[in-house]
């Protein structure tokens, strides 16, 4: 996992890319020393060989800076020196092998790798502030506009219009569909998800926290998809309730749900073929849109069947929950089945209840058991038609595939969307703003605490660690809890207090599916992306922000021209 040396650190000013640092190692002992290493991101992995140094010899290696590194060496047959340190990008470090276990020290510092993020934030904040000031000045300049209008009219009265100038009748601007029945906070939240998703999929400036977790854990990139599903559930509830009031036949609503689900699944497979058209044998069958389609199918049919046409009348403080007891009974049954299969099914050669990445973990005991029963089921059904995770292969050196949108994880993804359905039911049930916000907040805190307790409030421990690739139960609860709280306060500030209009995130939220499909199809096409000549965080951050900015701009143009793509 250490980068190949190839003499990269020999020059005084090495040509390093992002997430790389140099370590100069000198053997000051009178015996040959073997150094071993491992990164913290490779949980429970054996140490790997780093280098062997004879007495008085030295070498230079390239190390990663995205995760803390551990280095060990043993001398005099029984004395061990151990180092654990997070290295900084483009720094040059020194390590002197001595009997005193001298610490790793900095030889040559470099610029902070997070400066590009700070600069981008300052630029965006300054642009937003200037734009807000211009809007405030314009809105509060009514008297000035009246004066200018009066002066123009007076000038025309005194001078008169030119005889040769024809009268021009201006066509009134096209009315923008305001969608008064929509919650702007929901579209703003959805816009946030799609904007972050585009930025992350384009590379996220190559920062580790804008990439998906290698296995367990939670990064910014891991939050987007579950929030999107949660919002889909909320919007579905509002839509179904409106159709019920409009007396739309249930059989027609079921047909609409099935039609939309099939379109999403087919569109997802088409997008997968765009990424890998070399051979049909390698075509990936699961995918993001496929999971959205399956989740929408189950949750949509469930809600259409059990939702009553009568107007909601609150008869108890928990009516939004008790009125949906059949749905919650089915959801609970699905989770019991999911948990039972995960921990009771005996996978050949892997045993029961394994949730790890396989490969190097735990001394290669579970080398081909990546993902436990979830991975086993997907590999048995899809075979080679699965996602290839290069980051996981590199860290844990696995040889089998694991698909992050697999079958077993779709069950807990359904629960994620159904938490959104519950949020929508709360929205429809209670008229008081305080009741909605308080209940959403309670839901968020309650299920969030359950989720974090399942992982023992840690990254890798607990009976069910937070894992996006497996879409674990703890992952579902934690991300859904965050969505409840975010929606509660967006609803308060955007829809009720109107402290923020949701712009510019509101616009991509109105055309989310179009932006998702578009950004995938044109990911490697100029001007949305290109191959930078210098591989640094700054160049990648600019390119990825630029691509995201273009898609947000396209969404604004579509909104202003009253164009909305729906499935």
Protein backbone atom coordinates (compact mmCIF):
# COMPACT_ATOMS: atom_id res chain seq x y z
CA UNK A 1 0.00 0.00 0.00
CA UNK A 2 3.02 2.26 0.26
CA UNK A 3 3.54 4.07 -2.99
CA UNK A 4 6.26 2.69 -5.24
CA UNK A 5 9.47 4.56 -4.58
CA UNK A 6 11.04 4.63 -8.06
CA UNK A 7 13.48 7.25 -6.81
CA UNK A 8 10.71 9.79 -6.41
CA UNK A 9 12.08 11.16 -3.13
CA UNK A 10 15.73 11.23 -4.18
CA UNK A 11 15.69 14.84 -5.50
CA UNK A 12 15.70 17.67 -2.97
CA UNK A 13 12.46 18.93 -4.50
CA UNK A 14 10.57 15.77 -5.47
CA UNK A 15 7.65 15.89 -7.88
CA UNK A 16 4.96 14.66 -5.46
CA UNK A 17 1.25 14.49 -6.20
CA UNK A 18 -1.58 14.97 -3.69
CA UNK A 19 -1.55 12.90 -0.46
CA UNK A 20 2.16 12.12 -0.70
CA UNK A 21 5.10 12.82 1.61
CA UNK A 22 8.73 11.73 1.70
CA UNK A 23 10.38 9.88 4.58
CA UNK A 24 14.19 9.65 4.69
CA UNK A 25 15.32 6.66 6.77
CA UNK A 26 18.89 6.23 8.07
CA UNK A 27 20.17 3.10 9.86
CA UNK A 28 22.57 4.17 12.62
CA UNK A 29 22.79 0.72 14.19
CA UNK A 30 25.46 -1.91 13.65
CA UNK A 31 22.97 -4.51 12.45
CA UNK A 32 20.64 -5.01 9.52
CA UNK A 33 17.14 -3.67 10.25
CA UNK A 34 13.83 -4.74 8.72
CA UNK A 35 11.11 -2.10 8.80
CA UNK A 36 7.42 -2.92 8.55
CA UNK A 37 4.43 -0.61 8.20
CA UNK A 38 0.65 -0.34 8.00
CA UNK A 39 -1.95 2.43 7.67
CA UNK A 40 -4.72 2.95 10.22
CA UNK A 41 -7.38 2.83 7.49
CA UNK A 42 -6.53 -0.85 7.05
CA UNK A 43 -8.28 -2.05 10.21
CA UNK A 44 -6.82 -5.16 11.91
CA UNK A 45 -4.38 -5.68 9.04
CA UNK A 46 -0.99 -7.32 9.39
CA UNK A 47 2.06 -5.15 8.94
CA UNK A 48 3.69 -5.19 5.52
CA UNK A 49 7.37 -5.07 4.59
CA UNK A 50 8.66 -1.54 4.09
CA UNK A 51 12.41 -1.90 3.54
CA UNK A 52 15.55 -3.65 4.77
CA UNK A 53 18.55 -1.48 5.68
CA UNK A 54 22.09 -2.65 6.28
CA UNK A 55 24.25 -0.82 8.89
CA UNK A 56 24.99 2.78 7.86
CA UNK A 57 22.68 2.64 4.84
CA UNK A 58 19.78 4.99 4.07
CA UNK A 59 16.75 5.15 1.80
CA UNK A 60 13.79 7.37 0.99
CA UNK A 61 10.17 6.23 0.63
CA UNK A 62 6.94 7.86 -0.44
CA UNK A 63 4.13 7.60 2.13
CA UNK A 64 0.43 8.43 2.04
CA UNK A 65 -0.88 11.34 4.08
CA UNK A 66 -4.61 10.54 3.98
CA UNK A 67 -4.35 8.15 6.94
CA UNK A 68 -2.00 7.80 9.93
CA UNK A 69 0.89 5.42 9.30
CA UNK A 70 2.44 2.94 11.74
CA UNK A 71 6.10 1.94 11.37
CA UNK A 72 7.95 -0.68 13.42
CA UNK A 73 11.42 -2.20 13.58
CA UNK A 74 13.08 -4.66 15.94
CA UNK A 75 16.72 -4.64 16.93
CA UNK A 76 18.88 -6.73 19.27
CA UNK A 77 16.38 -9.53 18.69
CA UNK A 78 13.89 -8.33 21.32
CA UNK A 79 13.68 -4.52 21.37
CA UNK A 80 10.92 -2.95 19.29
CA UNK A 81 10.42 0.66 18.20
CA UNK A 82 6.90 1.64 17.16
CA UNK A 83 5.76 4.88 15.50
CA UNK A 84 2.24 6.05 14.73
CA UNK A 85 1.89 9.43 13.06
CA UNK A 86 -0.24 11.34 10.57
CA UNK A 87 2.09 12.80 7.97
CA UNK A 88 1.39 16.06 6.17
CA UNK A 89 1.21 16.39 2.43
CA UNK A 90 4.46 17.27 0.58
CA UNK A 91 6.43 17.41 3.84
CA UNK A 92 9.82 15.73 4.03
CA UNK A 93 10.40 13.69 7.17
CA UNK A 94 13.39 12.00 8.73
CA UNK A 95 13.63 8.79 10.74
CA UNK A 96 16.91 7.84 12.41
CA UNK A 97 17.08 4.20 13.45
CA UNK A 98 18.76 4.23 16.83
CA UNK A 99 18.60 2.34 20.13
CA UNK A 100 16.62 5.21 21.67
CA UNK A 101 13.73 4.96 19.17
CA UNK A 102 14.21 8.52 17.96
CA UNK A 103 10.91 10.09 16.83
CA UNK A 104 9.99 10.94 13.24
CA UNK A 105 10.90 14.58 12.68
CA UNK A 106 10.19 17.22 10.04
CA UNK A 107 13.08 18.03 7.74
CA UNK A 108 11.32 20.28 5.23
CA UNK A 109 7.75 21.62 5.74
CA UNK A 110 5.38 22.53 2.92
CA UNK A 111 2.25 24.62 2.38
CA UNK A 112 -0.88 23.46 4.16
CA UNK A 113 -2.85 21.05 1.93
CA UNK A 114 -6.15 22.60 3.06
CA UNK A 115 -5.33 26.13 1.88
CA UNK A 116 -7.20 25.59 -1.43
CA UNK A 117 -10.39 24.80 0.54
CA UNK A 118 -9.96 27.96 2.59
CA UNK A 119 -9.40 30.04 -0.54
CA UNK A 120 -12.44 28.49 -2.25
CA UNK A 121 -14.58 29.22 0.81
CA UNK A 122 -13.39 32.84 0.96
CA UNK A 123 -14.12 33.35 -2.76
CA UNK A 124 -17.58 31.77 -2.57
CA UNK A 125 -18.43 33.63 0.62
CA UNK A 126 -17.29 36.95 -0.88
CA UNK A 127 -19.27 36.32 -4.07
CA UNK A 128 -22.37 35.43 -2.08
CA UNK A 129 -22.02 38.50 0.13
CA UNK A 130 -21.61 40.84 -2.84
CA UNK A 131 -24.59 39.27 -4.60
CA UNK A 132 -26.73 39.60 -1.48
CA UNK A 133 -25.73 43.25 -1.08
CA UNK A 134 -26.63 44.01 -4.71
CA UNK A 135 -30.04 42.41 -4.24
CA UNK A 136 -30.67 44.36 -1.04
CA UNK A 137 -29.70 47.63 -2.69
CA UNK A 138 -31.94 46.89 -5.65
CA UNK A 139 -34.91 45.91 -3.50
CA UNK A 140 -34.59 49.00 -1.33
CA UNK A 141 -34.11 51.48 -4.16
CA UNK A 142 -37.80 51.95 -4.96
CA UNK A 143 -37.66 55.72 -4.64
CA UNK A 144 -34.66 55.88 -6.98
CA UNK A 145 -36.44 53.73 -9.57
CA UNK A 146 -39.54 55.91 -9.30
CA UNK A 147 -37.41 59.04 -9.82
CA UNK A 148 -35.75 57.52 -12.88
CA UNK A 149 -39.14 56.47 -14.27
CA UNK A 150 -40.58 59.98 -13.66
CA UNK A 151 -37.57 61.61 -15.37
CA UNK A 152 -37.98 59.40 -18.44
CA UNK A 153 -41.68 60.16 -18.73
CA UNK A 154 -41.08 63.92 -18.33
CA UNK A 155 -38.35 63.83 -20.99
CA UNK A 156 -40.71 62.11 -23.41
CA UNK A 157 -43.41 64.70 -22.73
CA UNK A 158 -41.03 67.63 -23.30
CA UNK A 159 -39.09 66.29 -26.28
CA UNK A 160 -41.59 63.92 -27.80
CA UNK A 161 -40.91 60.66 -29.49
CA UNK A 162 -39.20 60.57 -32.86
CA UNK A 163 -41.58 60.45 -35.80
CA UNK A 164 -39.55 57.74 -37.45
CA UNK A 165 -39.43 55.56 -34.38
CA UNK A 166 -42.11 52.88 -34.43
CA UNK A 167 -43.96 51.91 -31.32
CA UNK A 168 -42.59 48.72 -29.80
CA UNK A 169 -44.85 46.53 -27.77
CA UNK A 170 -42.74 44.39 -25.45
CA UNK A 171 -43.86 40.84 -24.92
CA UNK A 172 -44.39 40.11 -21.24
CA UNK A 173 -41.83 37.72 -19.83
CA UNK A 174 -42.75 34.08 -19.60
CA UNK A 175 -44.20 33.26 -16.23
CA UNK A 176 -42.12 31.00 -14.07
CA UNK A 177 -43.91 28.06 -12.54
CA UNK A 178 -43.70 28.95 -8.87
CA UNK A 179 -44.92 25.56 -7.63
CA UNK A 180 -46.64 27.13 -4.65
CA UNK A 181 -47.66 23.70 -3.39
CA UNK A 182 -44.04 22.62 -2.99
CA UNK A 183 -41.92 23.03 0.10
CA UNK A 184 -38.91 25.10 -0.85
CA UNK A 185 -36.94 23.59 2.04
CA UNK A 186 -37.31 20.12 0.52
CA UNK A 187 -36.06 21.31 -2.87
CA UNK A 188 -33.22 23.16 -1.13
CA UNK A 189 -32.21 20.03 0.78
CA UNK A 190 -32.42 17.97 -2.41
CA UNK A 191 -30.37 20.60 -4.23
CA UNK A 192 -27.71 20.38 -1.54
CA UNK A 193 -27.58 16.61 -2.01
CA UNK A 194 -27.27 16.73 -5.79
CA UNK A 195 -24.68 19.53 -5.72
CA UNK A 196 -22.51 17.68 -3.21
CA UNK A 197 -23.04 14.45 -5.16
CA UNK A 198 -21.76 16.06 -8.36
CA UNK A 199 -18.77 17.57 -6.57
CA UNK A 200 -17.93 14.25 -4.89
CA UNK A 201 -18.37 12.18 -8.05
CA UNK A 202 -16.12 14.57 -9.95
CA UNK A 203 -13.37 13.97 -7.39
CA UNK A 204 -13.99 16.33 -4.47
CA UNK A 205 -10.61 17.97 -4.92
CA UNK A 206 -9.09 14.53 -4.15
CA UNK A 207 -9.50 15.15 -0.40
CA UNK A 208 -10.12 11.97 1.60
CA UNK A 209 -13.18 13.36 3.40
CA UNK A 210 -14.85 14.03 0.04
CA UNK A 211 -14.37 10.37 -0.90
CA UNK A 212 -16.35 7.38 0.30
CA UNK A 213 -15.02 5.52 3.32
CA UNK A 214 -12.78 2.61 2.39
CA UNK A 215 -14.90 0.37 4.62
CA UNK A 216 -16.31 1.42 8.00
CA UNK A 217 -16.81 5.08 8.92
CA UNK A 218 -18.61 8.12 7.66
CA UNK A 219 -17.42 10.89 5.36
CA UNK A 220 -19.22 13.76 3.62
CA UNK A 221 -19.51 11.62 0.49
CA UNK A 222 -21.31 8.88 2.46
CA UNK A 223 -24.14 11.22 3.51
CA UNK A 224 -25.54 12.22 0.14
CA UNK A 225 -27.25 9.07 -1.13
CA UNK A 226 -29.21 8.22 2.06
CA UNK A 227 -30.37 11.84 2.34
CA UNK A 228 -31.57 11.68 -1.25
CA UNK A 229 -33.57 8.52 -0.54
CA UNK A 230 -34.96 10.07 2.63
CA UNK A 231 -36.16 13.11 0.69
CA UNK A 232 -37.67 10.84 -1.95
CA UNK A 233 -39.77 9.23 0.76
CA UNK A 234 -40.92 12.60 2.07
CA UNK A 235 -41.87 13.86 -1.40
CA UNK A 236 -43.63 10.58 -2.17
CA UNK A 237 -45.88 10.98 0.87
CA UNK A 238 -46.85 14.53 -0.06
CA UNK A 239 -47.51 13.49 -3.67
CA UNK A 240 -49.67 10.50 -2.73
CA UNK A 241 -51.69 12.57 -0.27
CA UNK A 242 -52.38 15.17 -2.97
CA UNK A 243 -53.48 12.44 -5.42
CA UNK A 244 -55.73 10.92 -2.78
CA UNK A 245 -57.47 14.25 -2.28
CA UNK A 246 -57.84 14.60 -6.05
CA UNK A 247 -59.57 11.18 -6.12
CA UNK A 248 -56.99 9.59 -8.42
CA UNK A 249 -57.73 5.83 -8.61
CA UNK A 250 -55.31 3.70 -6.63
CA UNK A 251 -54.74 1.31 -9.54
CA UNK A 252 -53.53 4.30 -11.59
CA UNK A 253 -51.19 5.38 -8.78
CA UNK A 254 -49.77 1.84 -8.55
CA UNK A 255 -49.20 1.86 -12.33
CA UNK A 256 -47.41 5.23 -12.06
CA UNK A 257 -45.16 3.89 -9.30
CA UNK A 258 -44.26 0.78 -11.31
CA UNK A 259 -43.66 2.80 -14.49
CA UNK A 260 -41.35 5.27 -12.76
CA UNK A 261 -39.45 2.49 -11.00
CA UNK A 262 -38.82 0.61 -14.24
CA UNK A 263 -37.65 3.78 -15.98
CA UNK A 264 -35.18 4.49 -13.17
CA UNK A 265 -33.82 0.93 -13.25
CA UNK A 266 -33.45 0.95 -17.05
CA UNK A 267 -31.83 4.38 -16.99
CA UNK A 268 -29.36 3.18 -14.37
CA UNK A 269 -28.30 0.20 -16.47
CA UNK A 270 -27.86 2.45 -19.50
CA UNK A 271 -25.61 4.76 -17.47
CA UNK A 272 -23.57 1.75 -16.32
CA UNK A 273 -23.10 0.70 -19.95
CA UNK A 274 -21.80 4.18 -20.70
CA UNK A 275 -19.02 3.63 -18.14
CA UNK A 276 -18.09 0.16 -19.38
CA UNK A 277 -19.13 -0.65 -22.94
CA UNK A 278 -16.12 -2.87 -23.70
CA UNK A 279 -17.92 -6.15 -23.05
CA UNK A 280 -21.39 -7.18 -21.93
CA UNK A 281 -19.78 -9.73 -19.61
CA UNK A 282 -18.48 -6.88 -17.41
CA UNK A 283 -21.63 -4.72 -17.45
CA UNK A 284 -22.57 -3.74 -13.92
CA UNK A 285 -26.20 -4.53 -13.12
CA UNK A 286 -26.69 -2.86 -9.69
CA UNK A 287 -26.34 0.90 -9.39
CA UNK A 288 -27.55 4.10 -7.79
CA UNK A 289 -30.61 4.61 -9.98
CA UNK A 290 -31.41 0.92 -9.82
CA UNK A 291 -31.50 1.10 -6.02
CA UNK A 292 -33.61 4.26 -6.15
CA UNK A 293 -36.04 2.50 -8.50
CA UNK A 294 -36.38 -0.61 -6.30
CA UNK A 295 -36.80 1.45 -3.13
CA UNK A 296 -39.38 3.67 -4.82
CA UNK A 297 -41.27 0.58 -6.02
CA UNK A 298 -41.57 -0.99 -2.56
CA UNK A 299 -42.26 2.18 -0.59
CA UNK A 300 -44.58 3.62 -3.24
CA UNK A 301 -46.80 0.54 -3.51
CA UNK A 302 -46.83 0.17 0.26
CA UNK A 303 -48.05 3.73 0.76
CA UNK A 304 -50.62 3.61 -2.04
CA UNK A 305 -52.17 0.45 -0.63
CA UNK A 306 -52.39 1.52 3.02
CA UNK A 307 -52.91 5.29 2.78
CA UNK A 308 -56.52 6.29 3.44
CA UNK A 309 -58.41 8.75 1.27
CA UNK A 310 -60.06 10.50 4.18
CA UNK A 311 -58.59 13.75 5.42
CA UNK A 312 -56.15 13.31 8.26
CA UNK A 313 -57.66 14.09 11.64
CA UNK A 314 -55.25 14.02 14.52
CA UNK A 315 -56.74 12.14 17.46
CA UNK A 316 -53.57 11.53 19.50
CA UNK A 317 -50.12 12.99 19.96
CA UNK A 318 -48.59 10.07 18.03
CA UNK A 319 -51.26 9.73 15.36
CA UNK A 320 -48.72 10.17 12.56
CA UNK A 321 -47.11 6.91 13.74
CA UNK A 322 -50.09 4.88 14.90
CA UNK A 323 -52.08 5.61 11.74
CA UNK A 324 -49.37 3.81 9.74
CA UNK A 325 -49.04 0.71 11.92
CA UNK A 326 -49.39 -1.72 8.96
CA UNK A 327 -46.50 -0.04 7.12
CA UNK A 328 -44.32 0.02 10.22
CA UNK A 329 -45.12 -3.64 10.88
CA UNK A 330 -43.91 -4.53 7.38
CA UNK A 331 -40.81 -2.34 7.78
CA UNK A 332 -39.99 -3.99 11.11
CA UNK A 333 -40.39 -7.42 9.53
CA UNK A 334 -38.00 -6.49 6.72
CA UNK A 335 -35.37 -5.32 9.22
CA UNK A 336 -35.74 -8.48 11.30
CA UNK A 337 -35.26 -10.57 8.15
CA UNK A 338 -32.25 -8.44 7.12
CA UNK A 339 -30.62 -8.73 10.54
CA UNK A 340 -31.32 -12.47 10.78
CA UNK A 341 -29.81 -13.17 7.37
CA UNK A 342 -26.78 -10.99 8.18
CA UNK A 343 -25.92 -12.67 11.47
CA UNK A 344 -27.44 -16.17 11.23
CA UNK A 345 -26.69 -17.26 7.66
CA UNK A 346 -23.60 -19.48 7.49
CA UNK A 347 -21.45 -18.39 4.54
CA UNK A 348 -19.19 -21.19 3.20
CA UNK A 349 -15.66 -20.61 4.39
CA UNK A 350 -16.59 -17.45 6.27
CA UNK A 351 -18.90 -18.48 9.08
CA UNK A 352 -21.71 -16.39 10.54
CA UNK A 353 -22.02 -12.67 11.14
CA UNK A 354 -18.87 -11.48 9.37
CA UNK A 355 -19.12 -7.80 8.36
CA UNK A 356 -15.53 -7.06 7.41
CA UNK A 357 -13.72 -6.25 4.17
CA UNK A 358 -11.79 -9.52 3.94
CA UNK A 359 -8.36 -9.44 2.36
CA UNK A 360 -5.60 -8.45 4.78
CA UNK A 361 -7.94 -8.00 7.74
CA UNK A 362 -7.40 -10.28 10.76
CA UNK A 363 -4.42 -12.08 9.31
CA UNK A 364 -6.16 -13.05 6.04
CA UNK A 365 -8.51 -15.46 7.86
CA UNK A 366 -11.48 -14.07 5.90
CA UNK A 367 -9.54 -13.30 2.74
CA UNK A 368 -12.38 -14.04 0.26
CA UNK A 369 -15.24 -13.10 2.61
CA UNK A 370 -15.56 -9.43 1.68
CA UNK A 371 -18.93 -8.12 2.88
CA UNK A 372 -19.94 -11.36 4.58
CA UNK A 373 -23.32 -12.71 3.55
CA UNK A 374 -24.20 -9.51 1.64
CA UNK A 375 -21.20 -9.91 -0.64
CA UNK A 376 -21.77 -13.64 -0.95
CA UNK A 377 -25.36 -13.16 -2.14
CA UNK A 378 -24.40 -10.49 -4.68
CA UNK A 379 -21.53 -12.51 -6.09
CA UNK A 380 -23.77 -15.57 -6.39
CA UNK A 381 -26.48 -13.64 -8.26
CA UNK A 382 -24.57 -11.04 -10.27
CA UNK A 383 -21.24 -12.79 -10.75
CA UNK A 384 -18.91 -10.45 -12.68
CA UNK A 385 -21.66 -7.87 -13.21
CA UNK A 386 -20.67 -5.89 -10.12
CA UNK A 387 -18.83 -2.74 -9.11
CA UNK A 388 -15.07 -2.87 -8.79
CA UNK A 389 -13.86 -0.91 -5.77
CA UNK A 390 -10.28 0.11 -6.54
CA UNK A 391 -9.78 1.91 -3.20
CA UNK A 392 -10.80 -1.20 -1.25
CA UNK A 393 -8.63 -3.41 -3.43
CA UNK A 394 -5.64 -1.16 -2.81
CA UNK A 395 -6.00 -0.94 0.97
CA UNK A 396 -7.06 -4.49 1.84
CA UNK A 397 -5.71 -6.22 -1.28
CA UNK A 398 -8.98 -8.05 -1.90
CA UNK A 399 -9.54 -10.16 -4.99
CA UNK A 400 -13.35 -10.48 -4.92
CA UNK A 401 -15.95 -7.85 -5.76
CA UNK A 402 -18.38 -6.10 -3.45
CA UNK A 403 -21.17 -3.89 -4.79
CA UNK A 404 -22.24 -0.88 -2.66
CA UNK A 405 -25.74 -1.11 -4.20
CA UNK A 406 -26.21 -4.81 -3.54
CA UNK A 407 -29.37 -6.76 -2.75
CA UNK A 408 -29.21 -7.04 1.04
CA UNK A 409 -28.33 -3.36 1.46
CA UNK A 410 -31.42 -2.41 -0.55
CA UNK A 411 -33.59 -3.67 2.33
CA UNK A 412 -32.12 -1.14 4.78
CA UNK A 413 -32.21 1.48 2.02
CA UNK A 414 -35.99 0.94 1.96
CA UNK A 415 -36.03 1.77 5.67
CA UNK A 416 -34.09 4.97 4.91
CA UNK A 417 -36.75 6.07 2.44
CA UNK A 418 -39.50 5.09 4.83
CA UNK A 419 -38.09 7.37 7.51
CA UNK A 420 -38.61 10.09 4.91
CA UNK A 421 -42.18 8.85 4.45
CA UNK A 422 -42.66 9.24 8.20
CA UNK A 423 -41.36 12.81 7.98
CA UNK A 424 -43.88 13.50 5.22
CA UNK A 425 -46.68 11.97 7.27
CA UNK A 426 -45.78 14.25 10.18
CA UNK A 427 -45.83 17.18 7.77
CA UNK A 428 -49.34 16.26 6.57
CA UNK A 429 -50.74 15.41 10.01
CA UNK A 430 -49.87 18.44 12.11
CA UNK A 431 -50.75 22.02 11.24
CA UNK A 432 -48.66 23.65 13.97
CA UNK A 433 -45.13 24.50 12.88
CA UNK A 434 -43.76 23.82 16.35
CA UNK A 435 -45.30 20.34 16.38
CA UNK A 436 -43.62 19.46 13.06
CA UNK A 437 -40.19 20.81 13.99
CA UNK A 438 -40.21 19.26 17.46
CA UNK A 439 -41.28 15.84 16.18
CA UNK A 440 -38.72 15.84 13.39
CA UNK A 441 -36.03 16.79 15.89
CA UNK A 442 -37.09 14.06 18.31
CA UNK A 443 -37.10 11.50 15.51
CA UNK A 444 -33.61 12.62 14.48
CA UNK A 445 -32.11 12.45 17.96
CA UNK A 446 -33.85 9.18 18.86
CA UNK A 447 -32.87 7.08 15.84
CA UNK A 448 -29.47 8.77 15.69
CA UNK A 449 -28.68 7.63 19.24
CA UNK A 450 -29.83 4.10 18.43
CA UNK A 451 -27.58 4.05 15.36
CA UNK A 452 -24.52 5.35 17.18
CA UNK A 453 -25.08 2.90 20.04
CA UNK A 454 -25.09 0.01 17.55
CA UNK A 455 -21.57 1.01 16.53
CA UNK A 456 -20.55 1.81 20.12
CA UNK A 457 -20.02 5.47 19.16
CA UNK A 458 -16.89 4.46 17.25
CA UNK A 459 -15.72 3.80 13.72
CA UNK A 460 -14.95 0.09 13.75
CA UNK A 461 -16.43 -1.30 16.95
CA UNK A 462 -19.88 -2.32 18.10
CA UNK A 463 -22.14 -5.12 16.84
CA UNK A 464 -23.05 -3.18 13.68
CA UNK A 465 -20.45 -0.63 12.52
CA UNK A 466 -21.46 2.26 10.28
CA UNK A 467 -20.83 1.03 6.76
CA UNK A 468 -22.06 2.63 3.54
CA UNK A 469 -21.01 -0.24 1.27
CA UNK A 470 -23.18 -2.68 3.25
CA UNK A 471 -25.78 0.02 4.03
CA UNK A 472 -25.72 -1.26 7.60
CA UNK A 473 -28.59 -0.66 10.02
CA UNK A 474 -26.48 1.76 12.07
CA UNK A 475 -25.65 3.68 8.87
CA UNK A 476 -29.36 3.91 8.03
CA UNK A 477 -30.31 5.17 11.47
CA UNK A 478 -27.52 7.73 11.78
CA UNK A 479 -27.92 9.26 8.31
CA UNK A 480 -31.73 9.31 8.57
CA UNK A 481 -31.49 10.96 11.97
CA UNK A 482 -29.29 13.68 10.49
CA UNK A 483 -31.81 14.16 7.66
CA UNK A 484 -34.68 14.65 10.13
CA UNK A 485 -32.80 17.41 11.95
CA UNK A 486 -31.57 19.16 8.78
CA UNK A 487 -35.07 19.17 7.28
CA UNK A 488 -36.57 20.48 10.52
CA UNK A 489 -34.42 23.57 10.57
CA UNK A 490 -34.43 24.13 6.82
CA UNK A 491 -38.23 24.09 7.02
CA UNK A 492 -38.12 26.60 9.83
CA UNK A 493 -35.66 29.04 8.22
CA UNK A 494 -36.65 28.67 4.55
CA UNK A 495 -40.42 28.06 4.55
CA UNK A 496 -41.60 29.64 7.81
CA UNK A 497 -39.24 32.43 8.86
CA UNK A 498 -38.09 33.00 5.25
CA UNK A 499 -34.61 33.99 6.40
CA UNK A 500 -33.18 32.30 3.32
CA UNK A 501 -34.75 31.65 -0.06
CA UNK A 502 -32.81 28.44 -0.59
CA UNK A 503 -30.85 29.88 -3.52
CA UNK A 504 -28.84 28.67 -5.34
CA UNK A 505 -29.43 25.13 -3.98
CA UNK A 506 -33.14 25.43 -4.64
CA UNK A 507 -32.59 25.33 -8.43
CA UNK A 508 -30.73 21.99 -8.76
CA UNK A 509 -33.27 20.51 -6.36
CA UNK A 510 -35.99 21.14 -8.97
CA UNK A 511 -34.16 19.10 -11.67
CA UNK A 512 -32.24 16.58 -9.61
CA UNK A 513 -32.63 13.53 -11.88
CA UNK A 514 -31.62 15.51 -14.98
CA UNK A 515 -28.50 16.82 -13.24
CA UNK A 516 -27.57 13.38 -11.96
CA UNK A 517 -27.82 11.73 -15.36
CA UNK A 518 -26.17 14.67 -17.11
CA UNK A 519 -23.19 14.93 -14.79
CA UNK A 520 -22.49 11.19 -15.12
CA UNK A 521 -22.68 11.20 -18.93
CA UNK A 522 -20.47 14.29 -19.29
CA UNK A 523 -18.11 13.61 -16.37
CA UNK A 524 -14.98 13.37 -18.53
CA UNK A 525 -16.04 15.92 -21.14
CA UNK A 526 -14.77 19.48 -21.38
CA UNK A 527 -15.79 21.95 -19.95
CA UNK A 528 -17.11 19.84 -17.06
CA UNK A 529 -13.81 18.04 -16.59
CA UNK A 530 -10.33 17.58 -18.01
CA UNK A 531 -7.01 16.02 -17.15
CA UNK A 532 -4.98 18.58 -15.16
CA UNK A 533 -1.33 19.06 -15.97
CA UNK A 534 -0.42 19.39 -12.27
CA UNK A 535 -1.81 16.85 -9.80
CA UNK A 536 -2.46 18.91 -6.68
CA UNK A 537 -5.46 19.46 -4.47
CA UNK A 538 -5.70 23.02 -5.73
CA UNK A 539 -6.00 22.06 -9.40
CA UNK A 540 -8.47 19.24 -8.75
CA UNK A 541 -10.53 21.40 -6.38
CA UNK A 542 -10.84 24.15 -8.99
CA UNK A 543 -11.79 21.66 -11.71
CA UNK A 544 -14.38 19.85 -9.57
CA UNK A 545 -15.91 23.08 -8.24
CA UNK A 546 -16.06 24.43 -11.79
CA UNK A 547 -17.89 21.34 -13.02
CA UNK A 548 -20.36 21.60 -10.14
CA UNK A 549 -20.83 25.32 -10.79
CA UNK A 550 -21.68 24.65 -14.44
CA UNK A 551 -24.39 22.13 -13.53
CA UNK A 552 -25.87 24.47 -10.93
CA UNK A 553 -25.87 27.23 -13.56
CA UNK A 554 -27.66 24.90 -15.99
CA UNK A 555 -30.29 24.19 -13.33
CA UNK A 556 -30.83 27.93 -12.84
CA UNK A 557 -31.26 28.41 -16.59
CA UNK A 558 -33.77 25.55 -16.74
CA UNK A 559 -35.75 27.01 -13.87
CA UNK A 560 -35.83 30.49 -15.37
CA UNK A 561 -37.11 29.00 -18.65
CA UNK A 562 -39.73 26.94 -16.84
CA UNK A 563 -38.18 23.62 -17.90
CA UNK A 564 -38.47 20.71 -15.50
CA UNK A 565 -37.58 17.10 -16.26
CA UNK A 566 -39.64 14.45 -14.56
CA UNK A 567 -39.89 10.69 -14.83
